[in-house]
Amino acid sequence: MVSTYGDITAVSTYGDIAAKSTYADKVTERILNARSLPLLGQAIRGLRTARGLTQAQLAARAGVSRQWVVAVERGETRGLEVGLVMRVLDEIGASLVVRDDVGDAGDR
């Protein structure tokens, strides 16, 4: 599976996430890596601009400040409140997926 971050099958045990997901009907080919705050910010910025929204418009829709959106997009916000992130993602038509990177292989 190729994403904007390259071939994720080379680094992921979940190469065919749609086939393994109980939400297969919701999974699209566009999966963005958000394993860090900077990557989450890049994903949010990319989706926001693809939807034609300004930072101010997204902030108003999600009920956060424009400065908060700026900080998230720069990956500068530590200790993000998950609820606020979820509201922003809802407004840009995205969702958060938690992937089990260990699977049946045991604990890390």
C-alpha atoms as a PDB file:
ATOM      1  CA  MET A   1       0.000   0.000   0.000  1.00  0.00           C
ATOM      2  CA  VAL A   2       1.499   3.328  -0.985  1.00  0.00           C
ATOM      3  CA  SER A   3       0.694   6.463   0.966  1.00  0.00           C
ATOM      4  CA  THR A   4       2.059   9.987   0.748  1.00  0.00           C
ATOM      5  CA  TYR A   5       4.750   8.703   3.105  1.00  0.00           C
ATOM      6  CA  GLY A   6       5.923   5.932   0.798  1.00  0.00           C
ATOM      7  CA  ASP A   7       5.297   2.211   0.764  1.00  0.00           C
ATOM      8  CA  ILE A   8       4.012   1.471   4.260  1.00  0.00           C
ATOM      9  CA  THR A   9       4.012  -2.283   3.636  1.00  0.00           C
ATOM     10  CA  ALA A  10       7.787  -2.154   3.903  1.00  0.00           C
ATOM     11  CA  VAL A  11       7.582  -0.976   7.528  1.00  0.00           C
ATOM     12  CA  SER A  12       4.183  -2.212   8.660  1.00  0.00           C
ATOM     13  CA  THR A  13       2.768  -5.616   9.448  1.00  0.00           C
ATOM     14  CA  TYR A  14      -0.555  -4.173   8.338  1.00  0.00           C
ATOM     15  CA  GLY A  15       0.089  -3.898   4.609  1.00  0.00           C
ATOM     16  CA  ASP A  16      -3.558  -4.509   3.747  1.00  0.00           C
ATOM     17  CA  ILE A  17      -5.258  -2.609   6.533  1.00  0.00           C
ATOM     18  CA  ALA A  18      -8.624  -2.617   4.772  1.00  0.00           C
ATOM     19  CA  ALA A  19      -8.739  -6.422   4.732  1.00  0.00           C
ATOM     20  CA  LYS A  20      -7.773  -6.637   8.414  1.00  0.00           C
ATOM     21  CA  SER A  21     -10.081  -3.895   9.680  1.00  0.00           C
ATOM     22  CA  THR A  22     -13.615  -4.338  10.952  1.00  0.00           C
ATOM     23  CA  TYR A  23     -14.092  -0.884   9.449  1.00  0.00           C
ATOM     24  CA  ALA A  24     -13.036  -1.958   5.959  1.00  0.00           C
ATOM     25  CA  ASP A  25     -15.851   0.031   4.385  1.00  0.00           C
ATOM     26  CA  LYS A  26     -14.452   3.184   6.030  1.00  0.00           C
ATOM     27  CA  VAL A  27     -10.794   2.626   5.107  1.00  0.00           C
ATOM     28  CA  THR A  28      -9.590   4.410   2.012  1.00  0.00           C
ATOM     29  CA  GLU A  29      -6.315   4.186   0.180  1.00  0.00           C
ATOM     30  CA  ARG A  30      -5.142   7.413   1.778  1.00  0.00           C
ATOM     31  CA  ILE A  31      -3.598   6.563   5.128  1.00  0.00           C
ATOM     32  CA  LEU A  32      -1.425   9.221   6.714  1.00  0.00           C
ATOM     33  CA  ASN A  33       1.322   8.459   9.209  1.00  0.00           C
ATOM     34  CA  ALA A  34       0.797  10.322  12.487  1.00  0.00           C
ATOM     35  CA  ARG A  35       3.217   8.569  14.831  1.00  0.00           C
ATOM     36  CA  SER A  36       4.512  11.880  16.161  1.00  0.00           C
ATOM     37  CA  LEU A  37       3.166  15.378  16.713  1.00  0.00           C
ATOM     38  CA  PRO A  38       4.987  16.783  13.668  1.00  0.00           C
ATOM     39  CA  LEU A  39       3.540  14.022  11.442  1.00  0.00           C
ATOM     40  CA  LEU A  40       0.062  14.557  12.898  1.00  0.00           C
ATOM     41  CA  GLY A  41       0.439  18.270  12.150  1.00  0.00           C
ATOM     42  CA  GLN A  42       1.522  17.585   8.572  1.00  0.00           C
ATOM     43  CA  ALA A  43      -1.471  15.290   8.073  1.00  0.00           C
ATOM     44  CA  ILE A  44      -3.919  17.848   9.459  1.00  0.00           C
ATOM     45  CA  ARG A  45      -2.402  20.669   7.387  1.00  0.00           C
ATOM     46  CA  GLY A  46      -2.484  18.567   4.219  1.00  0.00           C
ATOM     47  CA  LEU A  47      -6.103  17.549   4.701  1.00  0.00           C
ATOM     48  CA  ARG A  48      -7.161  21.071   5.670  1.00  0.00           C
ATOM     49  CA  THR A  49      -5.649  22.582   2.551  1.00  0.00           C
ATOM     50  CA  ALA A  50      -7.036  19.767   0.378  1.00  0.00           C
ATOM     51  CA  ARG A  51     -10.496  20.676   1.719  1.00  0.00           C
ATOM     52  CA  GLY A  52      -9.918  24.346   0.867  1.00  0.00           C
ATOM     53  CA  LEU A  53     -10.111  25.532   4.463  1.00  0.00           C
ATOM     54  CA  THR A  54      -8.041  28.247   6.070  1.00  0.00           C
ATOM     55  CA  GLN A  55      -6.670  27.760   9.563  1.00  0.00           C
ATOM     56  CA  ALA A  56      -9.219  30.284  10.833  1.00  0.00           C
ATOM     57  CA  GLN A  57     -12.116  28.464   9.165  1.00  0.00           C
ATOM     58  CA  LEU A  58     -11.057  25.103  10.573  1.00  0.00           C
ATOM     59  CA  ALA A  59     -10.575  26.614  14.022  1.00  0.00           C
ATOM     60  CA  ALA A  60     -14.031  28.198  13.981  1.00  0.00           C
ATOM     61  CA  ARG A  61     -15.696  24.962  12.835  1.00  0.00           C
ATOM     62  CA  ALA A  62     -13.888  22.871  15.461  1.00  0.00           C
ATOM     63  CA  GLY A  63     -14.287  25.358  18.303  1.00  0.00           C
ATOM     64  CA  VAL A  64     -10.567  25.932  18.858  1.00  0.00           C
ATOM     65  CA  SER A  65      -8.387  28.979  18.359  1.00  0.00           C
ATOM     66  CA  ARG A  66      -6.504  29.646  15.142  1.00  0.00           C
ATOM     67  CA  GLN A  67      -3.313  29.720  17.209  1.00  0.00           C
ATOM     68  CA  TRP A  68      -4.079  26.187  18.414  1.00  0.00           C
ATOM     69  CA  VAL A  69      -4.448  24.992  14.801  1.00  0.00           C
ATOM     70  CA  VAL A  70      -1.182  26.742  13.877  1.00  0.00           C
ATOM     71  CA  ALA A  71       0.627  25.042  16.776  1.00  0.00           C
ATOM     72  CA  VAL A  72      -0.793  21.611  15.933  1.00  0.00           C
ATOM     73  CA  GLU A  73       0.152  21.959  12.268  1.00  0.00           C
ATOM     74  CA  ARG A  74       3.696  22.873  13.291  1.00  0.00           C
ATOM     75  CA  GLY A  75       3.859  19.889  15.649  1.00  0.00           C
ATOM     76  CA  GLU A  76       4.578  22.244  18.530  1.00  0.00           C
ATOM     77  CA  THR A  77       1.703  21.381  20.843  1.00  0.00           C
ATOM     78  CA  ARG A  78       2.673  18.934  23.557  1.00  0.00           C
ATOM     79  CA  GLY A  79       0.056  17.119  25.584  1.00  0.00           C
ATOM     80  CA  LEU A  80      -2.696  17.568  23.020  1.00  0.00           C
ATOM     81  CA  GLU A  81      -6.203  17.017  24.302  1.00  0.00           C
ATOM     82  CA  VAL A  82      -7.518  14.098  22.278  1.00  0.00           C
ATOM     83  CA  GLY A  83     -11.038  15.510  22.252  1.00  0.00           C
ATOM     84  CA  LEU A  84      -9.875  18.666  20.491  1.00  0.00           C
ATOM     85  CA  VAL A  85      -7.876  16.669  17.959  1.00  0.00           C
ATOM     86  CA  MET A  86     -10.951  14.521  17.265  1.00  0.00           C
ATOM     87  CA  ARG A  87     -13.103  17.630  16.676  1.00  0.00           C
ATOM     88  CA  VAL A  88     -10.557  19.017  14.217  1.00  0.00           C
ATOM     89  CA  LEU A  89     -10.347  15.680  12.414  1.00  0.00           C
ATOM     90  CA  ASP A  90     -14.151  15.494  12.235  1.00  0.00           C
ATOM     91  CA  GLU A  91     -14.250  18.901  10.553  1.00  0.00           C
ATOM     92  CA  ILE A  92     -11.811  17.848   7.836  1.00  0.00           C
ATOM     93  CA  GLY A  93     -13.478  14.497   7.257  1.00  0.00           C
ATOM     94  CA  ALA A  94     -10.724  12.420   8.828  1.00  0.00           C
ATOM     95  CA  SER A  95     -10.499  10.009  11.734  1.00  0.00           C
ATOM     96  CA  LEU A  96      -7.944   8.656  14.126  1.00  0.00           C
ATOM     97  CA  VAL A  97      -6.984   4.995  13.768  1.00  0.00           C
ATOM     98  CA  VAL A  98      -5.094   3.127  16.455  1.00  0.00           C
ATOM     99  CA  ARG A  99      -3.026   0.313  15.010  1.00  0.00           C
ATOM    100  CA  ASP A 100      -1.610  -2.548  17.058  1.00  0.00           C
ATOM    101  CA  ASP A 101       2.043  -2.583  15.977  1.00  0.00           C
ATOM    102  CA  VAL A 102       2.814  -5.597  18.159  1.00  0.00           C
ATOM    103  CA  GLY A 103      -0.112  -7.856  17.310  1.00  0.00           C
ATOM    104  CA  ASP A 104       0.324 -11.448  18.406  1.00  0.00           C
ATOM    105  CA  ALA A 105       4.108 -11.049  18.599  1.00  0.00           C
ATOM    106  CA  GLY A 106       3.966 -10.245  22.313  1.00  0.00           C
ATOM    107  CA  ASP A 107       4.840  -7.263  24.411  1.00  0.00           C
ATOM    108  CA  ARG A 108       7.506  -4.767  23.478  1.00  0.00           C
END
